[in-house]
């Protein structure tokens, strides 16, 4: 029996391959990559604004900072999923994106 991390795949690998196709992975990548980058950028802007407000002594900078960091984390997560989908597309022998 092959180890779980081998090329044979883990439990449910065949089921996952049956649910998604390389074209689905490519479409998902094309949708999630820009969204993830936009969320990271928005989070950086909100976090930077909170830092400026903190320096000026304005109230509400903590909430702004937390929201900004949450946006950045969500953006990295979404972009990571996009990278995973593109890797799956390439591994399954999908063509290049045009």
Protein backbone atom coordinates (compact mmCIF):
# COMPACT_ATOMS: atom_id res chain seq x y z
CA UNK A 1 0.00 0.00 0.00
CA UNK A 2 1.35 3.42 -0.95
CA UNK A 3 1.87 6.07 1.74
CA UNK A 4 -0.70 8.83 1.88
CA UNK A 5 1.68 11.49 0.57
CA UNK A 6 2.75 9.48 -2.48
CA UNK A 7 1.84 10.09 -6.11
CA UNK A 8 -1.11 7.69 -5.74
CA UNK A 9 -2.89 10.37 -3.68
CA UNK A 10 -4.79 10.21 -0.46
CA UNK A 11 -8.33 9.24 0.33
CA UNK A 12 -10.86 10.83 -1.98
CA UNK A 13 -8.36 11.70 -4.72
CA UNK A 14 -10.35 9.95 -7.43
CA UNK A 15 -13.56 11.59 -6.24
CA UNK A 16 -11.94 15.03 -6.36
CA UNK A 17 -10.62 14.45 -9.85
CA UNK A 18 -14.10 13.42 -10.96
CA UNK A 19 -15.62 16.62 -9.53
CA UNK A 20 -13.28 19.12 -11.16
CA UNK A 21 -11.78 19.33 -14.61
CA UNK A 22 -8.71 21.26 -15.78
CA UNK A 23 -11.04 23.84 -17.36
CA UNK A 24 -12.86 24.31 -14.04
CA UNK A 25 -9.51 24.81 -12.31
CA UNK A 26 -8.44 27.39 -14.89
CA UNK A 27 -11.70 29.34 -14.61
CA UNK A 28 -11.48 29.29 -10.83
CA UNK A 29 -7.85 30.46 -10.96
CA UNK A 30 -8.76 33.31 -13.31
CA UNK A 31 -11.50 34.45 -10.93
CA UNK A 32 -9.71 34.02 -7.60
CA UNK A 33 -6.22 35.37 -8.40
CA UNK A 34 -7.29 38.98 -9.10
CA UNK A 35 -9.77 38.89 -6.20
CA UNK A 36 -7.04 37.74 -3.80
CA UNK A 37 -4.65 40.42 -4.99
CA UNK A 38 -7.35 43.10 -4.65
CA UNK A 39 -8.14 41.98 -1.10
CA UNK A 40 -4.47 42.07 -0.10
CA UNK A 41 -4.15 45.56 -1.57
CA UNK A 42 -7.30 46.79 0.14
CA UNK A 43 -6.10 45.34 3.43
CA UNK A 44 -2.76 47.09 3.07
CA UNK A 45 -4.52 50.41 2.40
CA UNK A 46 -6.85 50.05 5.38
CA UNK A 47 -3.99 48.98 7.65
CA UNK A 48 -1.86 51.92 6.48
CA UNK A 49 -4.73 54.31 7.09
CA UNK A 50 -5.13 52.93 10.61
CA UNK A 51 -1.41 53.43 11.23
CA UNK A 52 -1.66 57.07 10.10
CA UNK A 53 -4.71 57.61 12.32
CA UNK A 54 -2.84 56.08 15.26
CA UNK A 55 0.06 58.43 14.70
CA UNK A 56 -2.32 61.39 14.60
CA UNK A 57 -4.03 60.27 17.79
CA UNK A 58 -7.41 59.84 16.09
CA UNK A 59 -9.89 57.39 17.61
CA UNK A 60 -10.95 54.19 15.89
CA UNK A 61 -7.54 53.15 14.61
CA UNK A 62 -7.72 49.76 16.36
CA UNK A 63 -10.88 48.71 14.51
CA UNK A 64 -9.41 49.92 11.23
CA UNK A 65 -6.21 48.00 11.87
CA UNK A 66 -8.07 44.80 12.69
CA UNK A 67 -10.26 45.12 9.60
CA UNK A 68 -7.20 45.77 7.44
CA UNK A 69 -5.36 42.74 8.78
CA UNK A 70 -8.46 40.58 8.26
CA UNK A 71 -8.68 41.77 4.65
CA UNK A 72 -5.02 40.95 4.10
CA UNK A 73 -5.43 37.48 5.60
CA UNK A 74 -8.50 36.79 3.50
CA UNK A 75 -6.70 37.99 0.39
CA UNK A 76 -3.74 35.72 1.02
CA UNK A 77 -6.09 32.80 1.57
CA UNK A 78 -8.01 33.46 -1.64
CA UNK A 79 -4.78 33.94 -3.61
CA UNK A 80 -3.40 30.71 -2.13
CA UNK A 81 -6.47 28.85 -3.36
CA UNK A 82 -5.93 30.39 -6.81
CA UNK A 83 -2.32 29.17 -6.86
CA UNK A 84 -3.50 25.70 -5.85
CA UNK A 85 -6.07 25.64 -8.66
CA UNK A 86 -3.49 26.74 -11.24
CA UNK A 87 -1.09 24.04 -10.03
CA UNK A 88 -3.84 21.42 -10.33
CA UNK A 89 -4.63 22.67 -13.84
CA UNK A 90 -0.98 22.42 -14.89
CA UNK A 91 -0.51 19.01 -13.22
CA UNK A 92 -3.50 17.59 -15.05
CA UNK A 93 -2.02 18.53 -18.40
CA UNK A 94 -4.15 21.58 -19.04
CA UNK A 95 -3.11 24.00 -21.77
CA UNK A 96 -1.66 27.42 -21.10
CA UNK A 97 -3.94 30.30 -20.21
CA UNK A 98 -4.34 32.91 -22.89
